[in-house]
Amino acid sequence: MEWDVEIDAEGLKCPLPVLRLKQRLRGLSPGQVACLRATDPMAAIDVPHFCTEEGHDFLGSDTSGPCPAYLVRKRA
């Protein structure tokens, strides 16, 4: 899958990865996709929870590489 913006949160601890995601989503148009790269193990829980709370679409994660990636589609 392709995305519109990539957010580097490698090495950052909770809650900073989600805060960076939230900040960058503000500048996106509805329907655009953000890819958050975060090494914090809590991101696997925090990102889907954030999406549920804020009304965005959590498109899934890829944890097969050296840095897990989380895809989020902005809703209106």
N, C-alpha and C. Protein backbone atom coordinates (compact mmCIF):
# COMPACT_ATOMS: atom_id res chain seq x y z
N MET A 1 0.84 -1.19 0.00
CA MET A 1 0.00 0.00 0.00
C MET A 1 0.88 1.24 0.00
N GLU A 2 0.39 2.26 -0.64
CA GLU A 2 1.11 3.54 -0.68
C GLU A 2 0.50 4.49 0.35
N TRP A 3 1.31 5.48 0.73
CA TRP A 3 0.85 6.48 1.69
C TRP A 3 1.28 7.86 1.24
N ASP A 4 0.68 8.85 1.85
CA ASP A 4 0.93 10.25 1.48
C ASP A 4 2.01 10.91 2.30
N VAL A 5 2.18 10.45 3.54
CA VAL A 5 3.18 11.05 4.43
C VAL A 5 3.75 9.95 5.32
N GLU A 6 5.05 10.04 5.57
CA GLU A 6 5.71 9.10 6.48
C GLU A 6 6.19 9.86 7.71
N ILE A 7 5.92 9.28 8.87
CA ILE A 7 6.28 9.92 10.14
C ILE A 7 7.30 9.05 10.84
N ASP A 8 8.46 9.61 11.11
CA ASP A 8 9.54 8.88 11.78
C ASP A 8 9.45 9.11 13.28
N ALA A 9 9.07 8.05 14.01
CA ALA A 9 9.01 8.13 15.47
C ALA A 9 9.90 7.05 16.08
N GLU A 10 10.91 6.63 15.33
CA GLU A 10 11.83 5.61 15.83
C GLU A 10 12.56 6.14 17.06
N GLY A 11 12.61 5.31 18.10
CA GLY A 11 13.31 5.68 19.32
C GLY A 11 12.50 6.50 20.30
N LEU A 12 11.33 6.95 19.90
CA LEU A 12 10.49 7.75 20.79
C LEU A 12 9.60 6.84 21.62
N LYS A 13 9.38 7.22 22.85
CA LYS A 13 8.54 6.45 23.77
C LYS A 13 7.14 7.07 23.87
N CYS A 14 6.21 6.25 24.30
CA CYS A 14 4.82 6.64 24.50
C CYS A 14 4.77 7.90 25.40
N PRO A 15 4.01 8.87 25.04
CA PRO A 15 2.99 8.98 24.01
C PRO A 15 3.46 9.70 22.75
N LEU A 16 4.76 9.94 22.61
CA LEU A 16 5.27 10.76 21.51
C LEU A 16 4.94 10.24 20.12
N PRO A 17 5.01 8.92 19.83
CA PRO A 17 4.65 8.49 18.47
C PRO A 17 3.21 8.87 18.09
N VAL A 18 2.27 8.67 18.99
CA VAL A 18 0.88 9.01 18.69
C VAL A 18 0.70 10.52 18.60
N LEU A 19 1.40 11.27 19.41
CA LEU A 19 1.30 12.73 19.32
C LEU A 19 1.83 13.24 17.98
N ARG A 20 2.91 12.65 17.49
CA ARG A 20 3.42 13.04 16.17
C ARG A 20 2.42 12.68 15.07
N LEU A 21 1.82 11.50 15.20
CA LEU A 21 0.80 11.08 14.24
C LEU A 21 -0.37 12.06 14.24
N LYS A 22 -0.85 12.41 15.41
CA LYS A 22 -1.98 13.33 15.53
C LYS A 22 -1.66 14.67 14.88
N GLN A 23 -0.47 15.18 15.14
CA GLN A 23 -0.06 16.47 14.59
C GLN A 23 -0.01 16.42 13.07
N ARG A 24 0.56 15.38 12.51
CA ARG A 24 0.68 15.29 11.05
C ARG A 24 -0.66 15.05 10.38
N LEU A 25 -1.56 14.32 11.03
CA LEU A 25 -2.88 14.09 10.45
C LEU A 25 -3.66 15.38 10.29
N ARG A 26 -3.42 16.34 11.15
CA ARG A 26 -4.12 17.64 11.06
C ARG A 26 -3.88 18.30 9.71
N GLY A 27 -2.70 18.11 9.14
CA GLY A 27 -2.36 18.75 7.87
C GLY A 27 -2.77 17.96 6.65
N LEU A 28 -3.35 16.77 6.84
CA LEU A 28 -3.76 15.95 5.70
C LEU A 28 -5.23 16.18 5.37
N SER A 29 -5.57 15.90 4.14
CA SER A 29 -6.97 15.95 3.70
C SER A 29 -7.63 14.62 4.00
N PRO A 30 -8.95 14.61 4.18
CA PRO A 30 -9.65 13.35 4.39
C PRO A 30 -9.35 12.36 3.26
N GLY A 31 -9.09 11.13 3.64
CA GLY A 31 -8.77 10.08 2.67
C GLY A 31 -7.28 9.85 2.49
N GLN A 32 -6.46 10.80 2.89
CA GLN A 32 -5.02 10.61 2.77
C GLN A 32 -4.53 9.65 3.87
N VAL A 33 -3.40 8.99 3.58
CA VAL A 33 -2.88 7.96 4.46
C VAL A 33 -1.52 8.37 5.03
N ALA A 34 -1.36 8.14 6.33
CA ALA A 34 -0.08 8.38 7.01
C ALA A 34 0.53 7.04 7.40
N CYS A 35 1.84 6.95 7.26
CA CYS A 35 2.59 5.78 7.70
C CYS A 35 3.46 6.21 8.88
N LEU A 36 3.17 5.66 10.04
CA LEU A 36 3.95 5.96 11.24
C LEU A 36 4.95 4.84 11.48
N ARG A 37 6.22 5.18 11.54
CA ARG A 37 7.26 4.20 11.87
C ARG A 37 7.66 4.45 13.32
N ALA A 38 7.40 3.43 14.16
CA ALA A 38 7.64 3.60 15.60
C ALA A 38 8.19 2.30 16.19
N THR A 39 9.26 2.43 16.98
CA THR A 39 9.87 1.26 17.62
C THR A 39 9.29 0.99 19.01
N ASP A 40 8.55 1.91 19.57
CA ASP A 40 7.96 1.71 20.89
C ASP A 40 6.93 0.59 20.83
N PRO A 41 7.09 -0.47 21.62
CA PRO A 41 6.14 -1.58 21.58
C PRO A 41 4.70 -1.17 21.89
N MET A 42 4.51 -0.11 22.65
CA MET A 42 3.16 0.34 22.99
C MET A 42 2.42 0.92 21.79
N ALA A 43 3.13 1.26 20.72
CA ALA A 43 2.47 1.80 19.53
C ALA A 43 1.47 0.80 18.95
N ALA A 44 1.75 -0.50 19.11
CA ALA A 44 0.83 -1.53 18.61
C ALA A 44 -0.53 -1.44 19.28
N ILE A 45 -0.58 -0.92 20.47
CA ILE A 45 -1.84 -0.73 21.20
C ILE A 45 -2.34 0.70 21.03
N ASP A 46 -1.42 1.65 21.14
CA ASP A 46 -1.79 3.07 21.14
C ASP A 46 -2.35 3.55 19.81
N VAL A 47 -1.77 3.13 18.70
CA VAL A 47 -2.22 3.63 17.39
C VAL A 47 -3.65 3.19 17.07
N PRO A 48 -3.99 1.89 17.19
CA PRO A 48 -5.39 1.52 16.94
C PRO A 48 -6.37 2.21 17.90
N HIS A 49 -5.96 2.35 19.16
CA HIS A 49 -6.82 3.02 20.14
C HIS A 49 -7.03 4.49 19.76
N PHE A 50 -5.96 5.15 19.37
CA PHE A 50 -6.05 6.55 18.92
C PHE A 50 -7.02 6.66 17.75
N CYS A 51 -6.92 5.76 16.79
CA CYS A 51 -7.79 5.81 15.62
C CYS A 51 -9.26 5.64 16.02
N THR A 52 -9.52 4.74 16.92
CA THR A 52 -10.88 4.53 17.40
C THR A 52 -11.41 5.79 18.09
N GLU A 53 -10.59 6.38 18.93
CA GLU A 53 -11.01 7.57 19.68
C GLU A 53 -11.20 8.79 18.79
N GLU A 54 -10.34 8.95 17.78
CA GLU A 54 -10.37 10.14 16.93
C GLU A 54 -11.19 9.95 15.66
N GLY A 55 -11.62 8.72 15.38
CA GLY A 55 -12.45 8.47 14.20
C GLY A 55 -11.69 8.28 12.91
N HIS A 56 -10.43 7.92 12.98
CA HIS A 56 -9.65 7.63 11.78
C HIS A 56 -9.66 6.13 11.51
N ASP A 57 -9.26 5.74 10.31
CA ASP A 57 -9.23 4.33 9.95
C ASP A 57 -7.84 3.75 10.18
N PHE A 58 -7.73 2.75 11.04
CA PHE A 58 -6.48 2.03 11.22
C PHE A 58 -6.43 0.96 10.14
N LEU A 59 -5.47 1.08 9.23
CA LEU A 59 -5.39 0.19 8.08
C LEU A 59 -4.52 -1.03 8.33
N GLY A 60 -3.85 -1.07 9.47
CA GLY A 60 -3.03 -2.22 9.80
C GLY A 60 -1.58 -1.84 10.06
N SER A 61 -0.80 -2.88 10.33
CA SER A 61 0.61 -2.66 10.65
C SER A 61 1.46 -3.70 9.94
N ASP A 62 2.72 -3.37 9.81
CA ASP A 62 3.72 -4.29 9.24
C ASP A 62 4.87 -4.33 10.23
N THR A 63 5.00 -5.45 10.91
CA THR A 63 6.05 -5.60 11.92
C THR A 63 7.16 -6.53 11.45
N SER A 64 7.20 -6.81 10.15
CA SER A 64 8.19 -7.76 9.63
C SER A 64 9.58 -7.13 9.45
N GLY A 65 9.66 -5.82 9.36
CA GLY A 65 10.94 -5.16 9.14
C GLY A 65 11.60 -4.75 10.44
N PRO A 66 12.71 -4.03 10.34
CA PRO A 66 13.43 -3.59 11.53
C PRO A 66 12.67 -2.55 12.35
N CYS A 67 11.76 -1.83 11.70
CA CYS A 67 10.96 -0.81 12.40
C CYS A 67 9.50 -1.00 12.01
N PRO A 68 8.65 -1.30 12.99
CA PRO A 68 7.22 -1.48 12.68
C PRO A 68 6.62 -0.23 12.05
N ALA A 69 5.68 -0.45 11.12
CA ALA A 69 4.98 0.62 10.43
C ALA A 69 3.48 0.47 10.65
N TYR A 70 2.81 1.59 10.89
CA TYR A 70 1.36 1.61 11.14
C TYR A 70 0.72 2.56 10.15
N LEU A 71 -0.32 2.09 9.47
CA LEU A 71 -0.98 2.89 8.45
C LEU A 71 -2.32 3.40 8.95
N VAL A 72 -2.55 4.69 8.76
CA VAL A 72 -3.76 5.36 9.24
C VAL A 72 -4.32 6.23 8.13
N ARG A 73 -5.63 6.07 7.83
CA ARG A 73 -6.30 6.93 6.87
C ARG A 73 -7.11 7.99 7.62
N LYS A 74 -6.89 9.24 7.24
CA LYS A 74 -7.62 10.33 7.89
C LYS A 74 -9.06 10.36 7.41
N ARG A 75 -9.95 10.52 8.37
CA ARG A 75 -11.36 10.75 8.06
C ARG A 75 -11.66 12.22 8.25
N ALA A 76 -12.81 12.62 7.76
CA ALA A 76 -13.22 14.03 7.85
C ALA A 76 -13.22 14.50 9.24
